[in-house]
């Protein structure tokens, strides 16, 4: 029997120390600890998939909490089935002792573990939905305050009106205009429209 640990953080900025310390306390060999730094919305994660291929019947997998496994209700349920039924491994959720398949072998224990898993995986997905909603609300509020997102607008050159006049008199082709302005054609036409609307370009 081998012991494994799985760690997931949702971004490269998120600290994984707590999860790693929990794995170290259970004396899991460093080579058997797999870490993904990406969202938990699905299970298309390279290290998780690599770990699952290594698991053999009787092995033990530790995760710190159910949301480290994932945040999608149905996929958490499916992966739990894959791990415990297809792969035949035991799973221990460190922060939730009821989710330890080593101590839930009888009918009642299995029923309780399944019930707890359903509740926690639902909570994990619901929290993901709430986070997304809060992000959308925050972005909407910031836009309402005039905050701009994305790359800064390309500044319009000071001689933009003269460049436009030369282009309109066919003294410059569009390629020359774009080179002088340092813009893509889409940006040029958008800024041209803005200038004309503001009566800055005749």
Protein backbone atom coordinates (compact mmCIF):
# COMPACT_ATOMS: atom_id res chain seq x y z
CA UNK A 1 0.00 0.00 0.00
CA UNK A 2 1.23 3.48 -0.91
CA UNK A 3 0.12 6.80 0.54
CA UNK A 4 -0.53 9.82 -1.67
CA UNK A 5 -1.50 13.44 -1.15
CA UNK A 6 -3.28 15.84 -3.49
CA UNK A 7 -2.95 19.63 -3.23
CA UNK A 8 -4.84 22.19 -5.29
CA UNK A 9 -4.64 25.96 -5.24
CA UNK A 10 -6.76 28.04 -7.58
CA UNK A 11 -3.93 30.31 -8.76
CA UNK A 12 -0.17 30.69 -8.62
CA UNK A 13 -0.68 33.44 -6.02
CA UNK A 14 -2.56 31.27 -3.54
CA UNK A 15 -0.56 29.84 -0.65
CA UNK A 16 -0.37 26.06 -0.48
CA UNK A 17 1.59 25.84 2.80
CA UNK A 18 -1.32 24.68 4.96
CA UNK A 19 -2.08 21.79 2.63
CA UNK A 20 1.60 20.84 2.35
CA UNK A 21 2.07 20.89 6.15
CA UNK A 22 -0.96 18.61 6.55
CA UNK A 23 0.57 16.13 4.09
CA UNK A 24 3.94 16.28 5.83
CA UNK A 25 2.28 15.54 9.19
CA UNK A 26 1.00 12.28 7.68
CA UNK A 27 4.50 11.39 6.48
CA UNK A 28 3.55 11.23 2.81
CA UNK A 29 6.65 10.84 0.62
CA UNK A 30 7.31 14.10 -1.29
CA UNK A 31 7.31 12.21 -4.60
CA UNK A 32 3.75 11.05 -3.83
CA UNK A 33 2.35 14.56 -3.35
CA UNK A 34 0.75 16.00 -6.49
CA UNK A 35 -0.04 19.71 -6.83
CA UNK A 36 -2.20 21.56 -9.33
CA UNK A 37 -2.36 25.35 -9.51
CA UNK A 38 -5.63 25.95 -11.28
CA UNK A 39 -9.39 26.23 -10.87
CA UNK A 40 -11.39 23.43 -9.28
CA UNK A 41 -14.29 23.77 -11.73
CA UNK A 42 -13.36 20.50 -13.49
CA UNK A 43 -10.87 17.65 -13.30
CA UNK A 44 -8.85 18.39 -16.45
CA UNK A 45 -5.76 18.97 -14.30
CA UNK A 46 -2.42 17.46 -15.31
CA UNK A 47 -1.12 16.50 -11.86
CA UNK A 48 -4.45 15.08 -10.70
CA UNK A 49 -4.71 12.91 -13.81
CA UNK A 50 -1.12 11.78 -13.41
CA UNK A 51 -1.76 10.84 -9.79
CA UNK A 52 -4.93 8.86 -10.58
CA UNK A 53 -2.98 6.74 -13.08
CA UNK A 54 -0.54 5.79 -10.32
CA UNK A 55 -3.19 4.77 -7.77
CA UNK A 56 -3.57 1.05 -7.09
CA UNK A 57 -6.18 -0.87 -5.03
CA UNK A 58 -5.47 -0.47 -1.34
CA UNK A 59 -3.58 2.83 -1.68
CA UNK A 60 -4.56 5.77 0.52
CA UNK A 61 -5.17 9.30 -0.77
CA UNK A 62 -5.19 12.35 1.51
CA UNK A 63 -6.76 15.70 0.64
CA UNK A 64 -7.09 18.56 3.10
CA UNK A 65 -10.71 19.47 2.34
CA UNK A 66 -13.36 18.50 -0.19
CA UNK A 67 -13.10 21.82 -2.04
CA UNK A 68 -9.42 21.04 -2.75
CA UNK A 69 -10.68 18.05 -4.71
CA UNK A 70 -13.03 20.27 -6.71
CA UNK A 71 -15.95 22.69 -6.76
CA UNK A 72 -18.27 21.01 -9.23
CA UNK A 73 -20.96 19.00 -7.41
CA UNK A 74 -21.48 16.27 -10.01
CA UNK A 75 -17.80 15.92 -10.85
CA UNK A 76 -16.80 15.58 -7.19
CA UNK A 77 -19.36 12.78 -6.84
CA UNK A 78 -18.07 11.10 -10.01
CA UNK A 79 -14.41 11.37 -9.03
CA UNK A 80 -15.15 10.00 -5.57
CA UNK A 81 -16.75 7.00 -7.27
CA UNK A 82 -13.77 6.60 -9.62
CA UNK A 83 -11.30 6.73 -6.73
CA UNK A 84 -13.11 4.46 -4.30
CA UNK A 85 -14.90 2.04 -6.66
CA UNK A 86 -12.89 1.87 -9.89
CA UNK A 87 -9.43 2.44 -8.43
CA UNK A 88 -10.24 0.78 -5.12
CA UNK A 89 -8.34 3.32 -3.02
CA UNK A 90 -9.18 4.76 0.38
CA UNK A 91 -9.72 8.50 0.59
CA UNK A 92 -9.26 10.60 3.73
CA UNK A 93 -10.47 14.22 3.85
CA UNK A 94 -8.31 15.60 6.65
CA UNK A 95 -10.61 18.48 7.69
CA UNK A 96 -13.68 16.20 7.73
CA UNK A 97 -13.05 12.93 9.64
CA UNK A 98 -16.45 11.55 8.57
CA UNK A 99 -15.06 11.43 5.03
CA UNK A 100 -12.50 8.71 5.67
CA UNK A 101 -13.32 5.51 3.79
CA UNK A 102 -11.09 3.48 6.12
CA UNK A 103 -13.59 3.97 8.94
CA UNK A 104 -16.77 3.80 6.87
CA UNK A 105 -16.74 0.20 5.72
CA UNK A 106 -20.07 -0.88 7.24
CA UNK A 107 -23.46 0.07 5.78
CA UNK A 108 -24.17 2.88 8.25
CA UNK A 109 -20.68 4.33 7.92
CA UNK A 110 -20.91 4.28 4.13
CA UNK A 111 -24.34 5.93 4.23
CA UNK A 112 -23.10 8.72 6.52
CA UNK A 113 -19.98 9.29 4.42
CA UNK A 114 -22.04 9.46 1.21
CA UNK A 115 -24.47 11.91 2.80
CA UNK A 116 -21.67 14.15 4.10
CA UNK A 117 -19.96 14.03 0.69
CA UNK A 118 -23.14 15.11 -1.07
CA UNK A 119 -23.65 18.02 1.31
CA UNK A 120 -20.05 19.22 1.18
CA UNK A 121 -19.70 18.90 -2.58
CA UNK A 122 -22.96 20.85 -2.99
CA UNK A 123 -21.61 23.54 -0.66
CA UNK A 124 -18.34 23.66 -2.65
CA UNK A 125 -20.17 24.19 -5.95
CA UNK A 126 -22.51 26.74 -4.39
CA UNK A 127 -19.53 28.69 -3.06
CA UNK A 128 -17.94 28.66 -6.53
CA UNK A 129 -21.17 30.09 -7.97
CA UNK A 130 -21.26 32.75 -5.25
CA UNK A 131 -17.64 33.72 -5.91
CA UNK A 132 -18.38 34.11 -9.61
CA UNK A 133 -21.48 36.20 -8.85
CA UNK A 134 -19.52 38.44 -6.47
CA UNK A 135 -16.82 38.91 -9.11
CA UNK A 136 -19.40 39.89 -11.73
CA UNK A 137 -21.04 42.33 -9.31
CA UNK A 138 -17.63 43.82 -8.43
CA UNK A 139 -16.74 44.29 -12.10
CA UNK A 140 -20.12 45.89 -12.83
CA UNK A 141 -19.70 48.26 -9.88
CA UNK A 142 -16.17 49.18 -10.96
CA UNK A 143 -17.32 49.88 -14.53
CA UNK A 144 -20.10 52.08 -13.15
CA UNK A 145 -17.39 54.09 -11.34
CA UNK A 146 -15.53 54.50 -14.61
CA UNK A 147 -12.84 51.89 -14.02
CA UNK A 148 -11.56 50.51 -17.34
CA UNK A 149 -10.51 46.90 -17.75
CA UNK A 150 -8.12 45.36 -20.25
CA UNK A 151 -5.13 46.90 -21.94
CA UNK A 152 -4.82 50.73 -21.93
CA UNK A 153 -6.14 52.48 -25.02
CA UNK A 154 -3.56 53.24 -27.69
CA UNK A 155 -2.93 57.00 -27.50
CA UNK A 156 -3.87 59.06 -30.53
CA UNK A 157 -0.85 60.84 -32.07
CA UNK A 158 -0.90 64.62 -31.87
CA UNK A 159 -1.01 64.98 -35.64
CA UNK A 160 -3.92 62.56 -35.99
CA UNK A 161 -6.20 65.15 -37.71
CA UNK A 162 -3.49 65.88 -40.31
CA UNK A 163 -2.91 62.15 -40.92
CA UNK A 164 -6.64 61.70 -41.46
CA UNK A 165 -6.76 64.62 -43.92
CA UNK A 166 -3.88 63.17 -45.93
CA UNK A 167 -5.59 59.79 -45.96
CA UNK A 168 -8.87 61.36 -47.14
CA UNK A 169 -7.00 63.22 -49.91
CA UNK A 170 -5.43 59.86 -50.83
CA UNK A 171 -1.96 61.19 -50.09
CA UNK A 172 -1.55 58.23 -47.71
CA UNK A 173 -2.82 54.68 -48.06
CA UNK A 174 -4.27 52.84 -45.07
CA UNK A 175 -0.98 51.00 -44.52
CA UNK A 176 0.89 54.27 -44.15
CA UNK A 177 -1.79 55.65 -41.82
CA UNK A 178 -1.61 52.62 -39.53
CA UNK A 179 2.19 52.81 -39.44
CA UNK A 180 2.17 56.50 -38.52
CA UNK A 181 -0.52 55.99 -35.86
CA UNK A 182 0.93 52.75 -34.52
CA UNK A 183 -2.56 51.21 -34.55
CA UNK A 184 -4.39 48.23 -35.94
CA UNK A 185 -7.00 49.00 -38.58
CA UNK A 186 -9.84 48.27 -36.10
CA UNK A 187 -8.37 50.70 -33.56
CA UNK A 188 -7.82 53.37 -36.21
CA UNK A 189 -11.39 53.26 -37.47
CA UNK A 190 -12.74 53.32 -33.92
CA UNK A 191 -10.63 56.32 -32.95
CA UNK A 192 -11.52 58.01 -36.25
CA UNK A 193 -15.21 57.57 -35.47
CA UNK A 194 -14.70 58.99 -31.97
CA UNK A 195 -12.84 62.03 -33.30
CA UNK A 196 -15.47 62.74 -35.91
CA UNK A 197 -18.26 62.45 -33.35
CA UNK A 198 -16.43 64.94 -31.15
CA UNK A 199 -15.97 67.24 -34.18
CA UNK A 200 -12.24 67.09 -33.78
CA UNK A 201 -11.77 65.77 -37.30
CA UNK A 202 -13.65 67.48 -40.17
